[in-house]
Amino acid sequence: MNKSLPILALLAISALSACQKPEVVVVPAAPAVVAVPGPAGAKGDTGATGSPGSDGATGKTGDGNTVIVIPAQDASAPASASASAPLK
């Protein structure tokens, strides 16, 4: 029993090393082709003028009742001087 495990290990190593491994061939990548623009050509003719767009619908006039909502002030926040000053 003492010698069977090392003998099996040696047999396994020799069996695995006898396998022929495929040779890996690395093909170098082709260099990237960079297109370089040539000189600018002659300028083309001006295009036709577009037609004017249609007028949008007129909005509804307000009724004159504007409501301004001032957010409530936190009790923990100190009152600012401008909020406590009387209006003139």
PDB file of N, CA and C in Angstrom:
ATOM      1  N   MET A   1       0.828  -1.185   0.000  1.00  0.00           N
ATOM      2  CA  MET A   1       0.000   0.000   0.000  1.00  0.00           C
ATOM      3  C   MET A   1       0.873   1.249   0.000  1.00  0.00           C
ATOM      4  N   ASN A   2       2.000   1.178   0.703  1.00  0.00           N
ATOM      5  CA  ASN A   2       2.878   2.345   0.774  1.00  0.00           C
ATOM      6  C   ASN A   2       3.478   2.679  -0.585  1.00  0.00           C
ATOM      7  N   LYS A   3       3.757   1.674  -1.390  1.00  0.00           N
ATOM      8  CA  LYS A   3       4.411   1.910  -2.668  1.00  0.00           C
ATOM      9  C   LYS A   3       3.420   2.032  -3.823  1.00  0.00           C
ATOM     10  N   SER A   4       2.176   1.632  -3.640  1.00  0.00           N
ATOM     11  CA  SER A   4       1.225   1.635  -4.758  1.00  0.00           C
ATOM     12  C   SER A   4       0.825   3.061  -5.176  1.00  0.00           C
ATOM     13  N   LEU A   5       0.658   3.954  -4.248  1.00  0.00           N
ATOM     14  CA  LEU A   5       0.262   5.330  -4.579  1.00  0.00           C
ATOM     15  C   LEU A   5       1.368   6.057  -5.351  1.00  0.00           C
ATOM     16  N   PRO A   6       2.627   6.014  -4.926  1.00  0.00           N
ATOM     17  CA  PRO A   6       3.671   6.669  -5.732  1.00  0.00           C
ATOM     18  C   PRO A   6       3.841   6.032  -7.110  1.00  0.00           C
ATOM     19  N   ILE A   7       3.671   4.700  -7.176  1.00  0.00           N
ATOM     20  CA  ILE A   7       3.808   4.031  -8.475  1.00  0.00           C
ATOM     21  C   ILE A   7       2.680   4.475  -9.406  1.00  0.00           C
ATOM     22  N   LEU A   8       1.450   4.564  -8.902  1.00  0.00           N
ATOM     23  CA  LEU A   8       0.328   5.042  -9.711  1.00  0.00           C
ATOM     24  C   LEU A   8       0.542   6.491 -10.155  1.00  0.00           C
ATOM     25  N   ALA A   9       1.095   7.302  -9.294  1.00  0.00           N
ATOM     26  CA  ALA A   9       1.360   8.692  -9.652  1.00  0.00           C
ATOM     27  C   ALA A   9       2.393   8.771 -10.771  1.00  0.00           C
ATOM     28  N   LEU A  10       3.442   7.964 -10.690  1.00  0.00           N
ATOM     29  CA  LEU A  10       4.454   7.953 -11.747  1.00  0.00           C
ATOM     30  C   LEU A  10       3.879   7.449 -13.062  1.00  0.00           C
ATOM     31  N   LEU A  11       3.026   6.446 -13.011  1.00  0.00           N
ATOM     32  CA  LEU A  11       2.392   5.939 -14.231  1.00  0.00           C
ATOM     33  C   LEU A  11       1.482   6.997 -14.857  1.00  0.00           C
ATOM     34  N   ALA A  12       0.744   7.714 -14.015  1.00  0.00           N
ATOM     35  CA  ALA A  12      -0.143   8.761 -14.530  1.00  0.00           C
ATOM     36  C   ALA A  12       0.664   9.889 -15.168  1.00  0.00           C
ATOM     37  N   ILE A  13       1.748  10.264 -14.550  1.00  0.00           N
ATOM     38  CA  ILE A  13       2.597  11.325 -15.095  1.00  0.00           C
ATOM     39  C   ILE A  13       3.193  10.893 -16.429  1.00  0.00           C
ATOM     40  N   SER A  14       3.667   9.677 -16.505  1.00  0.00           N
ATOM     41  CA  SER A  14       4.280   9.208 -17.753  1.00  0.00           C
ATOM     42  C   SER A  14       3.232   9.039 -18.846  1.00  0.00           C
ATOM     43  N   ALA A  15       2.010   8.629 -18.498  1.00  0.00           N
ATOM     44  CA  ALA A  15       0.955   8.472 -19.502  1.00  0.00           C
ATOM     45  C   ALA A  15       0.517   9.830 -20.042  1.00  0.00           C
ATOM     46  N   LEU A  16       0.410  10.807 -19.169  1.00  0.00           N
ATOM     47  CA  LEU A  16      -0.019  12.135 -19.613  1.00  0.00           C
ATOM     48  C   LEU A  16       1.066  12.868 -20.385  1.00  0.00           C
ATOM     49  N   SER A  17       2.309  12.612 -20.064  1.00  0.00           N
ATOM     50  CA  SER A  17       3.392  13.300 -20.776  1.00  0.00           C
ATOM     51  C   SER A  17       3.640  12.680 -22.135  1.00  0.00           C
ATOM     52  N   ALA A  18       3.139  11.493 -22.384  1.00  0.00           N
ATOM     53  CA  ALA A  18       3.330  10.838 -23.676  1.00  0.00           C
ATOM     54  C   ALA A  18       2.373  11.392 -24.726  1.00  0.00           C
ATOM     55  N   CYS A  19       1.321  12.101 -24.324  1.00  0.00           N
ATOM     56  CA  CYS A  19       0.355  12.658 -25.279  1.00  0.00           C
ATOM     57  C   CYS A  19       1.013  13.788 -26.073  1.00  0.00           C
ATOM     58  N   GLN A  20       0.747  13.790 -27.376  1.00  0.00           N
ATOM     59  CA  GLN A  20       1.306  14.848 -28.205  1.00  0.00           C
ATOM     60  C   GLN A  20       0.381  16.063 -28.123  1.00  0.00           C
ATOM     61  N   LYS A  21       0.960  17.161 -27.753  1.00  0.00           N
ATOM     62  CA  LYS A  21       0.181  18.390 -27.625  1.00  0.00           C
ATOM     63  C   LYS A  21       0.204  19.119 -28.966  1.00  0.00           C
ATOM     64  N   PRO A  22      -0.935  19.682 -29.381  1.00  0.00           N
ATOM     65  CA  PRO A  22      -0.941  20.400 -30.663  1.00  0.00           C
ATOM     66  C   PRO A  22      -0.107  21.685 -30.559  1.00  0.00           C
ATOM     67  N   GLU A  23       0.531  22.010 -31.657  1.00  0.00           N
ATOM     68  CA  GLU A  23       1.368  23.192 -31.677  1.00  0.00           C
ATOM     69  C   GLU A  23       0.488  24.415 -31.948  1.00  0.00           C
ATOM     70  N   VAL A  24       0.653  25.428 -31.139  1.00  0.00           N
ATOM     71  CA  VAL A  24      -0.142  26.643 -31.269  1.00  0.00           C
ATOM     72  C   VAL A  24       0.608  27.618 -32.162  1.00  0.00           C
ATOM     73  N   VAL A  25      -0.059  28.067 -33.240  1.00  0.00           N
ATOM     74  CA  VAL A  25       0.547  29.013 -34.168  1.00  0.00           C
ATOM     75  C   VAL A  25      -0.157  30.353 -33.982  1.00  0.00           C
ATOM     76  N   VAL A  26       0.619  31.365 -33.672  1.00  0.00           N
ATOM     77  CA  VAL A  26       0.070  32.702 -33.483  1.00  0.00           C
ATOM     78  C   VAL A  26       0.277  33.473 -34.771  1.00  0.00           C
ATOM     79  N   VAL A  27      -0.854  33.886 -35.382  1.00  0.00           N
ATOM     80  CA  VAL A  27      -0.786  34.644 -36.631  1.00  0.00           C
ATOM     81  C   VAL A  27      -0.820  36.119 -36.273  1.00  0.00           C
ATOM     82  N   PRO A  28       0.173  36.880 -36.713  1.00  0.00           N
ATOM     83  CA  PRO A  28       0.161  38.301 -36.382  1.00  0.00           C
ATOM     84  C   PRO A  28      -0.996  39.008 -37.091  1.00  0.00           C
ATOM     85  N   ALA A  29      -1.578  39.968 -36.387  1.00  0.00           N
ATOM     86  CA  ALA A  29      -2.695  40.712 -36.941  1.00  0.00           C
ATOM     87  C   ALA A  29      -2.205  41.644 -38.041  1.00  0.00           C
ATOM     88  N   ALA A  30      -3.057  41.840 -39.048  1.00  0.00           N
ATOM     89  CA  ALA A  30      -2.713  42.742 -40.139  1.00  0.00           C
ATOM     90  C   ALA A  30      -2.708  44.175 -39.614  1.00  0.00           C
ATOM     91  N   PRO A  31      -1.796  44.993 -40.085  1.00  0.00           N
ATOM     92  CA  PRO A  31      -1.765  46.379 -39.600  1.00  0.00           C
ATOM     93  C   PRO A  31      -3.050  47.105 -40.016  1.00  0.00           C
ATOM     94  N   ALA A  32      -3.517  47.979 -39.153  1.00  0.00           N
ATOM     95  CA  ALA A  32      -4.736  48.724 -39.423  1.00  0.00           C
ATOM     96  C   ALA A  32      -4.485  49.741 -40.531  1.00  0.00           C
ATOM     97  N   VAL A  33      -5.419  49.791 -41.474  1.00  0.00           N
ATOM     98  CA  VAL A  33      -5.315  50.745 -42.573  1.00  0.00           C
ATOM     99  C   VAL A  33      -6.041  52.009 -42.164  1.00  0.00           C
ATOM    100  N   VAL A  34      -5.351  53.130 -42.189  1.00  0.00           N
ATOM    101  CA  VAL A  34      -5.929  54.408 -41.805  1.00  0.00           C
ATOM    102  C   VAL A  34      -6.165  55.209 -43.074  1.00  0.00           C
ATOM    103  N   ALA A  35      -7.431  55.558 -43.319  1.00  0.00           N
ATOM    104  CA  ALA A  35      -7.758  56.344 -44.495  1.00  0.00           C
ATOM    105  C   ALA A  35      -7.421  57.799 -44.226  1.00  0.00           C
ATOM    106  N   VAL A  36      -6.637  58.387 -45.088  1.00  0.00           N
ATOM    107  CA  VAL A  36      -6.240  59.784 -44.947  1.00  0.00           C
ATOM    108  C   VAL A  36      -7.030  60.582 -45.977  1.00  0.00           C
ATOM    109  N   PRO A  37      -7.790  61.591 -45.550  1.00  0.00           N
ATOM    110  CA  PRO A  37      -8.562  62.364 -46.513  1.00  0.00           C
ATOM    111  C   PRO A  37      -7.649  63.155 -47.448  1.00  0.00           C
ATOM    112  N   GLY A  38      -8.113  63.283 -48.665  1.00  0.00           N
ATOM    113  CA  GLY A  38      -7.347  64.029 -49.655  1.00  0.00           C
ATOM    114  C   GLY A  38      -7.668  65.511 -49.562  1.00  0.00           C
ATOM    115  N   PRO A  39      -7.193  66.275 -50.540  1.00  0.00           N
ATOM    116  CA  PRO A  39      -7.464  67.711 -50.520  1.00  0.00           C
ATOM    117  C   PRO A  39      -8.951  67.982 -50.750  1.00  0.00           C
ATOM    118  N   ALA A  40      -9.417  69.109 -50.237  1.00  0.00           N
ATOM    119  CA  ALA A  40     -10.820  69.473 -50.388  1.00  0.00           C
ATOM    120  C   ALA A  40     -11.106  69.809 -51.843  1.00  0.00           C
ATOM    121  N   GLY A  41     -12.288  69.400 -52.299  1.00  0.00           N
ATOM    122  CA  GLY A  41     -12.684  69.662 -53.678  1.00  0.00           C
ATOM    123  C   GLY A  41     -13.334  71.031 -53.808  1.00  0.00           C
ATOM    124  N   ALA A  42     -13.842  71.298 -54.999  1.00  0.00           N
ATOM    125  CA  ALA A  42     -14.498  72.576 -55.261  1.00  0.00           C
ATOM    126  C   ALA A  42     -15.829  72.624 -54.510  1.00  0.00           C
ATOM    127  N   LYS A  43     -16.230  73.835 -54.111  1.00  0.00           N
ATOM    128  CA  LYS A  43     -17.459  73.997 -53.364  1.00  0.00           C
ATOM    129  C   LYS A  43     -18.642  73.855 -54.301  1.00  0.00           C
ATOM    130  N   GLY A  44     -19.712  73.200 -53.845  1.00  0.00           N
ATOM    131  CA  GLY A  44     -20.893  72.971 -54.678  1.00  0.00           C
ATOM    132  C   GLY A  44     -21.825  74.170 -54.691  1.00  0.00           C
ATOM    133  N   ASP A  45     -22.866  74.074 -55.531  1.00  0.00           N
ATOM    134  CA  ASP A  45     -23.860  75.139 -55.621  1.00  0.00           C
ATOM    135  C   ASP A  45     -24.702  75.190 -54.367  1.00  0.00           C
ATOM    136  N   THR A  46     -25.265  76.374 -54.083  1.00  0.00           N
ATOM    137  CA  THR A  46     -26.135  76.552 -52.926  1.00  0.00           C
ATOM    138  C   THR A  46     -27.461  75.863 -53.202  1.00  0.00           C
ATOM    139  N   GLY A  47     -28.009  75.224 -52.205  1.00  0.00           N
ATOM    140  CA  GLY A  47     -29.272  74.516 -52.356  1.00  0.00           C
ATOM    141  C   GLY A  47     -30.454  75.472 -52.429  1.00  0.00           C
ATOM    142  N   ALA A  48     -31.620  74.916 -52.769  1.00  0.00           N
ATOM    143  CA  ALA A  48     -32.829  75.726 -52.887  1.00  0.00           C
ATOM    144  C   ALA A  48     -33.299  76.160 -51.503  1.00  0.00           C
ATOM    145  N   THR A  49     -33.953  77.329 -51.438  1.00  0.00           N
ATOM    146  CA  THR A  49     -34.468  77.854 -50.187  1.00  0.00           C
ATOM    147  C   THR A  49     -35.719  77.070 -49.799  1.00  0.00           C
ATOM    148  N   GLY A  50     -35.854  76.741 -48.555  1.00  0.00           N
ATOM    149  CA  GLY A  50     -37.014  75.980 -48.081  1.00  0.00           C
ATOM    150  C   GLY A  50     -38.246  76.857 -47.971  1.00  0.00           C
ATOM    151  N   SER A  51     -39.409  76.214 -47.879  1.00  0.00           N
ATOM    152  CA  SER A  51     -40.664  76.956 -47.744  1.00  0.00           C
ATOM    153  C   SER A  51     -40.876  77.328 -46.283  1.00  0.00           C
ATOM    154  N   PRO A  52     -41.574  78.435 -46.019  1.00  0.00           N
ATOM    155  CA  PRO A  52     -41.789  78.845 -44.630  1.00  0.00           C
ATOM    156  C   PRO A  52     -42.719  77.881 -43.913  1.00  0.00           C
ATOM    157  N   GLY A  53     -42.525  77.733 -42.632  1.00  0.00           N
ATOM    158  CA  GLY A  53     -43.356  76.836 -41.838  1.00  0.00           C
ATOM    159  C   GLY A  53     -44.704  77.453 -41.525  1.00  0.00           C
ATOM    160  N   SER A  54     -45.637  76.619 -41.064  1.00  0.00           N
ATOM    161  CA  SER A  54     -46.975  77.116 -40.735  1.00  0.00           C
ATOM    162  C   SER A  54     -46.951  77.754 -39.346  1.00  0.00           C
ATOM    163  N   ASP A  55     -47.863  78.715 -39.135  1.00  0.00           N
ATOM    164  CA  ASP A  55     -47.958  79.376 -37.832  1.00  0.00           C
ATOM    165  C   ASP A  55     -48.604  78.433 -36.826  1.00  0.00           C
ATOM    166  N   GLY A  56     -48.147  78.476 -35.602  1.00  0.00           N
ATOM    167  CA  GLY A  56     -48.718  77.635 -34.559  1.00  0.00           C
ATOM    168  C   GLY A  56     -50.013  78.235 -34.027  1.00  0.00           C
ATOM    169  N   ALA A  57     -50.733  77.445 -33.263  1.00  0.00           N
ATOM    170  CA  ALA A  57     -51.978  77.928 -32.671  1.00  0.00           C
ATOM    171  C   ALA A  57     -51.658  78.921 -31.561  1.00  0.00           C
ATOM    172  N   THR A  58     -52.511  79.934 -31.401  1.00  0.00           N
ATOM    173  CA  THR A  58     -52.319  80.949 -30.375  1.00  0.00           C
ATOM    174  C   THR A  58     -52.740  80.376 -29.027  1.00  0.00           C
ATOM    175  N   GLY A  59     -51.987  80.667 -28.000  1.00  0.00           N
ATOM    176  CA  GLY A  59     -52.299  80.162 -26.667  1.00  0.00           C
ATOM    177  C   GLY A  59     -53.453  80.907 -26.028  1.00  0.00           C
ATOM    178  N   LYS A  60     -54.003  80.314 -24.972  1.00  0.00           N
ATOM    179  CA  LYS A  60     -55.128  80.902 -24.258  1.00  0.00           C
ATOM    180  C   LYS A  60     -54.611  82.001 -23.328  1.00  0.00           C
ATOM    181  N   THR A  61     -55.306  83.110 -23.295  1.00  0.00           N
ATOM    182  CA  THR A  61     -54.935  84.225 -22.435  1.00  0.00           C
ATOM    183  C   THR A  61     -55.293  83.891 -20.992  1.00  0.00           C
ATOM    184  N   GLY A  62     -54.443  84.276 -20.063  1.00  0.00           N
ATOM    185  CA  GLY A  62     -54.709  84.010 -18.653  1.00  0.00           C
ATOM    186  C   GLY A  62     -55.852  84.857 -18.122  1.00  0.00           C
ATOM    187  N   ASP A  63     -56.434  84.444 -16.959  1.00  0.00           N
ATOM    188  CA  ASP A  63     -57.580  85.164 -16.404  1.00  0.00           C
ATOM    189  C   ASP A  63     -57.159  86.222 -15.383  1.00  0.00           C
ATOM    190  N   GLY A  64     -55.870  86.417 -15.150  1.00  0.00           N
ATOM    191  CA  GLY A  64     -55.393  87.474 -14.269  1.00  0.00           C
ATOM    192  C   GLY A  64     -55.290  87.074 -12.816  1.00  0.00           C
ATOM    193  N   ASN A  65     -55.611  85.866 -12.444  1.00  0.00           N
ATOM    194  CA  ASN A  65     -55.510  85.411 -11.049  1.00  0.00           C
ATOM    195  C   ASN A  65     -54.223  84.618 -10.888  1.00  0.00           C
ATOM    196  N   THR A  66     -53.188  85.280 -10.384  1.00  0.00           N
ATOM    197  CA  THR A  66     -51.909  84.620 -10.177  1.00  0.00           C
ATOM    198  C   THR A  66     -51.750  84.303  -8.699  1.00  0.00           C
ATOM    199  N   VAL A  67     -51.410  83.054  -8.389  1.00  0.00           N
ATOM    200  CA  VAL A  67     -51.236  82.626  -7.006  1.00  0.00           C
ATOM    201  C   VAL A  67     -49.765  82.309  -6.799  1.00  0.00           C
ATOM    202  N   ILE A  68     -49.155  82.926  -5.776  1.00  0.00           N
ATOM    203  CA  ILE A  68     -47.761  82.662  -5.440  1.00  0.00           C
ATOM    204  C   ILE A  68     -47.754  81.874  -4.139  1.00  0.00           C
ATOM    205  N   VAL A  69     -47.171  80.684  -4.161  1.00  0.00           N
ATOM    206  CA  VAL A  69     -47.108  79.826  -2.985  1.00  0.00           C
ATOM    207  C   VAL A  69     -45.703  79.896  -2.422  1.00  0.00           C
ATOM    208  N   ILE A  70     -45.595  80.335  -1.161  1.00  0.00           N
ATOM    209  CA  ILE A  70     -44.306  80.419  -0.484  1.00  0.00           C
ATOM    210  C   ILE A  70     -44.181  79.181   0.398  1.00  0.00           C
ATOM    211  N   PRO A  71     -43.097  78.409   0.254  1.00  0.00           N
ATOM    212  CA  PRO A  71     -42.949  77.194   1.058  1.00  0.00           C
ATOM    213  C   PRO A  71     -42.829  77.520   2.543  1.00  0.00           C
ATOM    214  N   ALA A  72     -43.367  76.620   3.373  1.00  0.00           N
ATOM    215  CA  ALA A  72     -43.323  76.811   4.824  1.00  0.00           C
ATOM    216  C   ALA A  72     -41.883  76.733   5.306  1.00  0.00           C
ATOM    217  N   GLN A  73     -41.573  77.528   6.319  1.00  0.00           N
ATOM    218  CA  GLN A  73     -40.217  77.554   6.852  1.00  0.00           C
ATOM    219  C   GLN A  73     -40.109  76.518   7.961  1.00  0.00           C
ATOM    220  N   ASP A  74     -38.964  75.805   8.017  1.00  0.00           N
ATOM    221  CA  ASP A  74     -38.732  74.824   9.071  1.00  0.00           C
ATOM    222  C   ASP A  74     -38.645  75.527  10.421  1.00  0.00           C
ATOM    223  N   ALA A  75     -39.140  74.853  11.467  1.00  0.00           N
ATOM    224  CA  ALA A  75     -39.062  75.410  12.814  1.00  0.00           C
ATOM    225  C   ALA A  75     -37.621  75.405  13.321  1.00  0.00           C
ATOM    226  N   SER A  76     -36.813  74.450  12.816  1.00  0.00           N
ATOM    227  CA  SER A  76     -35.430  74.352  13.284  1.00  0.00           C
ATOM    228  C   SER A  76     -34.526  75.375  12.601  1.00  0.00           C
ATOM    229  N   ALA A  77     -34.938  75.908  11.452  1.00  0.00           N
ATOM    230  CA  ALA A  77     -34.103  76.866  10.741  1.00  0.00           C
ATOM    231  C   ALA A  77     -34.291  78.257  11.338  1.00  0.00           C
ATOM    232  N   PRO A  78     -33.220  79.013  11.513  1.00  0.00           N
ATOM    233  CA  PRO A  78     -33.358  80.366  12.059  1.00  0.00           C
ATOM    234  C   PRO A  78     -34.022  81.280  11.041  1.00  0.00           C
ATOM    235  N   ALA A  79     -34.800  82.204  11.520  1.00  0.00           N
ATOM    236  CA  ALA A  79     -35.486  83.151  10.642  1.00  0.00           C
ATOM    237  C   ALA A  79     -34.458  84.121  10.084  1.00  0.00           C
ATOM    238  N   SER A  80     -34.564  84.425   8.815  1.00  0.00           N
ATOM    239  CA  SER A  80     -33.624  85.375   8.210  1.00  0.00           C
ATOM    240  C   SER A  80     -34.076  86.787   8.506  1.00  0.00           C
ATOM    241  N   ALA A  81     -33.157  87.732   8.415  1.00  0.00           N
ATOM    242  CA  ALA A  81     -33.457  89.122   8.738  1.00  0.00           C
ATOM    243  C   ALA A  81     -34.448  89.700   7.753  1.00  0.00           C
ATOM    244  N   SER A  82     -34.379  89.294   6.496  1.00  0.00           N
ATOM    245  CA  SER A  82     -35.290  89.865   5.502  1.00  0.00           C
ATOM    246  C   SER A  82     -36.717  89.358   5.702  1.00  0.00           C
ATOM    247  N   ALA A  83     -36.889  88.151   6.275  1.00  0.00           N
ATOM    248  CA  ALA A  83     -38.228  87.606   6.471  1.00  0.00           C
ATOM    249  C   ALA A  83     -38.919  88.285   7.652  1.00  0.00           C
ATOM    250  N   SER A  84     -38.160  88.735   8.663  1.00  0.00           N
ATOM    251  CA  SER A  84     -38.781  89.336   9.846  1.00  0.00           C
ATOM    252  C   SER A  84     -38.856  90.857   9.749  1.00  0.00           C
ATOM    253  N   ALA A  85     -38.218  91.466   8.772  1.00  0.00           N
ATOM    254  CA  ALA A  85     -38.239  92.914   8.638  1.00  0.00           C
ATOM    255  C   ALA A  85     -39.595  93.359   8.082  1.00  0.00           C
ATOM    256  N   PRO A  86     -40.117  94.458   8.561  1.00  0.00           N
ATOM    257  CA  PRO A  86     -41.404  94.936   8.048  1.00  0.00           C
ATOM    258  C   PRO A  86     -41.229  95.471   6.619  1.00  0.00           C
ATOM    259  N   LEU A  87     -42.291  95.317   5.824  1.00  0.00           N
ATOM    260  CA  LEU A  87     -42.258  95.793   4.452  1.00  0.00           C
ATOM    261  C   LEU A  87     -42.514  97.281   4.417  1.00  0.00           C
ATOM    262  N   LYS A  88     -41.884  97.995   3.537  1.00  0.00           N
ATOM    263  CA  LYS A  88     -42.074  99.428   3.433  1.00  0.00           C
ATOM    264  C   LYS A  88     -42.961  99.750   2.268  1.00  0.00           C
TER     265      LYS A  88
END
